[in-house]
Structure formats: C-alpha cells, structure tokens
Amino acid sequence: ASGASGCCFEFHKNPFPASNIVAYKDTRSDCAYNAVIFKTKKGFRFCADPADDWVKQ
C-alpha cells in the first residue's frame, strides 16, 4: 500500500478488475520504487508494479 508520503513499498500482485478502478497515478520521482497507485470505487488505494502486464492494460 502507499504511505502518507505517496510512495509505495509493497505491490499488489493479482490483477484487479479495471471496472472497479476510478483513478490512478504514478508515484513521485523521488520515491525509492517506481509504482502505480490505484484508487477503487470504495476508496481503497493500492500499489502495483508498472512492469506487470495487467497494470499496463
């Protein structure tokens, strides 16, 4: 998940239905890990590896 700093330290590994995603953004350039932060319809936020195929879609 993402911390208050907007950086990610753990990645969600399983594909998540795109229909449940309402927003996404890349982590800041000064974060230790490059990641995408997704926000779901229920307000849940999680991080994913941008190199994963399901994230690219």
N, C-alpha and C. Protein backbone atom coordinates (compact mmCIF):
# COMPACT_ATOMS: atom_id res chain seq x y z
N ALA A 1 0.84 -1.19 0.00
CA ALA A 1 0.00 0.00 0.00
C ALA A 1 0.87 1.24 0.00
N SER A 2 0.27 2.35 -0.19
CA SER A 2 1.04 3.59 -0.23
C SER A 2 0.99 4.27 1.12
N GLY A 3 2.09 4.85 1.49
CA GLY A 3 2.16 5.57 2.75
C GLY A 3 1.68 7.00 2.56
N ALA A 4 1.72 7.75 3.64
CA ALA A 4 1.28 9.14 3.59
C ALA A 4 2.15 9.96 2.64
N SER A 5 3.36 9.47 2.39
CA SER A 5 4.29 10.19 1.53
C SER A 5 3.95 10.04 0.04
N GLY A 6 3.05 9.11 -0.30
CA GLY A 6 2.72 8.86 -1.69
C GLY A 6 3.67 7.92 -2.38
N CYS A 7 4.52 7.24 -1.61
CA CYS A 7 5.45 6.25 -2.15
C CYS A 7 4.95 4.85 -1.81
N CYS A 8 5.36 3.88 -2.61
CA CYS A 8 4.93 2.50 -2.42
C CYS A 8 6.09 1.64 -1.94
N PHE A 9 5.77 0.72 -1.05
CA PHE A 9 6.78 -0.20 -0.54
C PHE A 9 6.37 -1.66 -0.72
N GLU A 10 5.10 -1.90 -1.03
CA GLU A 10 4.59 -3.24 -1.32
C GLU A 10 3.73 -3.14 -2.57
N PHE A 11 3.70 -4.22 -3.35
CA PHE A 11 2.93 -4.23 -4.59
C PHE A 11 1.83 -5.27 -4.55
N HIS A 12 0.65 -4.89 -5.08
CA HIS A 12 -0.47 -5.82 -5.26
C HIS A 12 -0.11 -6.69 -6.46
N LYS A 13 -0.10 -8.00 -6.29
CA LYS A 13 0.37 -8.89 -7.34
C LYS A 13 -0.73 -9.42 -8.26
N ASN A 14 -1.96 -9.53 -7.75
CA ASN A 14 -3.03 -10.13 -8.54
C ASN A 14 -3.77 -9.07 -9.35
N PRO A 15 -4.17 -9.42 -10.57
CA PRO A 15 -4.93 -8.48 -11.39
C PRO A 15 -6.19 -7.99 -10.67
N PHE A 16 -6.52 -6.74 -10.86
CA PHE A 16 -7.69 -6.13 -10.23
C PHE A 16 -8.61 -5.67 -11.35
N PRO A 17 -9.93 -5.91 -11.25
CA PRO A 17 -10.85 -5.54 -12.34
C PRO A 17 -10.81 -4.04 -12.64
N ALA A 18 -10.57 -3.71 -13.88
CA ALA A 18 -10.50 -2.31 -14.29
C ALA A 18 -11.81 -1.57 -14.02
N SER A 19 -12.93 -2.29 -14.03
CA SER A 19 -14.22 -1.66 -13.79
C SER A 19 -14.35 -1.12 -12.37
N ASN A 20 -13.51 -1.58 -11.46
CA ASN A 20 -13.54 -1.11 -10.07
C ASN A 20 -12.55 0.02 -9.80
N ILE A 21 -11.77 0.40 -10.80
CA ILE A 21 -10.76 1.45 -10.64
C ILE A 21 -11.36 2.79 -11.05
N VAL A 22 -11.22 3.80 -10.20
CA VAL A 22 -11.75 5.13 -10.53
C VAL A 22 -10.64 6.13 -10.83
N ALA A 23 -9.42 5.84 -10.36
CA ALA A 23 -8.30 6.76 -10.60
C ALA A 23 -6.99 6.02 -10.42
N TYR A 24 -5.95 6.58 -11.01
CA TYR A 24 -4.61 6.04 -10.80
C TYR A 24 -3.60 7.15 -11.02
N LYS A 25 -2.44 6.98 -10.42
CA LYS A 25 -1.35 7.94 -10.63
C LYS A 25 -0.02 7.24 -10.40
N ASP A 26 1.01 7.79 -11.00
CA ASP A 26 2.36 7.28 -10.77
C ASP A 26 2.90 7.85 -9.46
N THR A 27 3.79 7.10 -8.83
CA THR A 27 4.44 7.62 -7.63
C THR A 27 5.37 8.76 -8.03
N ARG A 28 5.75 9.56 -7.06
CA ARG A 28 6.66 10.68 -7.31
C ARG A 28 8.03 10.16 -7.74
N SER A 29 8.76 10.99 -8.42
CA SER A 29 10.08 10.60 -8.93
C SER A 29 11.11 10.41 -7.82
N ASP A 30 10.86 10.98 -6.64
CA ASP A 30 11.82 10.81 -5.54
C ASP A 30 11.54 9.59 -4.66
N CYS A 31 10.55 8.78 -5.02
CA CYS A 31 10.26 7.55 -4.27
C CYS A 31 11.30 6.48 -4.60
N ALA A 32 11.53 5.59 -3.67
CA ALA A 32 12.52 4.53 -3.86
C ALA A 32 12.11 3.56 -4.96
N TYR A 33 10.79 3.32 -5.10
CA TYR A 33 10.29 2.37 -6.09
C TYR A 33 9.33 3.05 -7.05
N ASN A 34 9.47 2.74 -8.33
CA ASN A 34 8.54 3.21 -9.34
C ASN A 34 7.28 2.36 -9.23
N ALA A 35 6.11 2.98 -9.14
CA ALA A 35 4.86 2.23 -8.97
C ALA A 35 3.69 3.04 -9.49
N VAL A 36 2.55 2.35 -9.62
CA VAL A 36 1.29 2.99 -9.95
C VAL A 36 0.38 2.82 -8.74
N ILE A 37 -0.25 3.90 -8.31
CA ILE A 37 -1.20 3.84 -7.19
C ILE A 37 -2.60 3.89 -7.78
N PHE A 38 -3.38 2.84 -7.51
CA PHE A 38 -4.76 2.76 -7.98
C PHE A 38 -5.72 3.13 -6.85
N LYS A 39 -6.85 3.73 -7.21
CA LYS A 39 -7.92 4.01 -6.24
C LYS A 39 -9.18 3.32 -6.74
N THR A 40 -9.84 2.55 -5.86
CA THR A 40 -11.04 1.82 -6.23
C THR A 40 -12.30 2.64 -5.94
N LYS A 41 -13.43 2.13 -6.42
CA LYS A 41 -14.72 2.79 -6.19
C LYS A 41 -15.01 2.96 -4.71
N LYS A 42 -14.54 2.02 -3.89
CA LYS A 42 -14.79 2.07 -2.44
C LYS A 42 -13.75 2.91 -1.69
N GLY A 43 -12.82 3.54 -2.43
CA GLY A 43 -11.83 4.40 -1.81
C GLY A 43 -10.56 3.70 -1.36
N PHE A 44 -10.45 2.41 -1.64
CA PHE A 44 -9.26 1.65 -1.30
C PHE A 44 -8.14 2.02 -2.26
N ARG A 45 -6.94 2.19 -1.73
CA ARG A 45 -5.78 2.50 -2.57
C ARG A 45 -4.77 1.37 -2.46
N PHE A 46 -4.17 1.03 -3.60
CA PHE A 46 -3.12 0.01 -3.58
C PHE A 46 -2.10 0.31 -4.65
N CYS A 47 -0.91 -0.24 -4.45
CA CYS A 47 0.21 -0.02 -5.36
C CYS A 47 0.41 -1.24 -6.25
N ALA A 48 0.88 -0.99 -7.46
CA ALA A 48 1.17 -2.08 -8.38
C ALA A 48 2.45 -1.75 -9.16
N ASP A 49 3.10 -2.81 -9.59
CA ASP A 49 4.34 -2.68 -10.36
C ASP A 49 3.99 -2.31 -11.80
N PRO A 50 4.47 -1.19 -12.31
CA PRO A 50 4.13 -0.78 -13.67
C PRO A 50 4.65 -1.73 -14.75
N ALA A 51 5.55 -2.64 -14.39
CA ALA A 51 6.07 -3.61 -15.36
C ALA A 51 5.15 -4.81 -15.52
N ASP A 52 4.20 -5.01 -14.59
CA ASP A 52 3.27 -6.14 -14.68
C ASP A 52 2.30 -5.92 -15.84
N ASP A 53 2.04 -6.98 -16.61
CA ASP A 53 1.17 -6.87 -17.78
C ASP A 53 -0.22 -6.32 -17.44
N TRP A 54 -0.81 -6.78 -16.33
CA TRP A 54 -2.17 -6.33 -16.00
C TRP A 54 -2.20 -4.84 -15.65
N VAL A 55 -1.11 -4.31 -15.16
CA VAL A 55 -1.04 -2.89 -14.82
C VAL A 55 -0.96 -2.05 -16.09
N LYS A 56 -0.25 -2.54 -17.09
CA LYS A 56 -0.10 -1.82 -18.36
C LYS A 56 -1.44 -1.64 -19.07
N GLN A 57 -2.35 -2.58 -18.85
CA GLN A 57 -3.66 -2.52 -19.51
C GLN A 57 -4.51 -1.46 -18.87
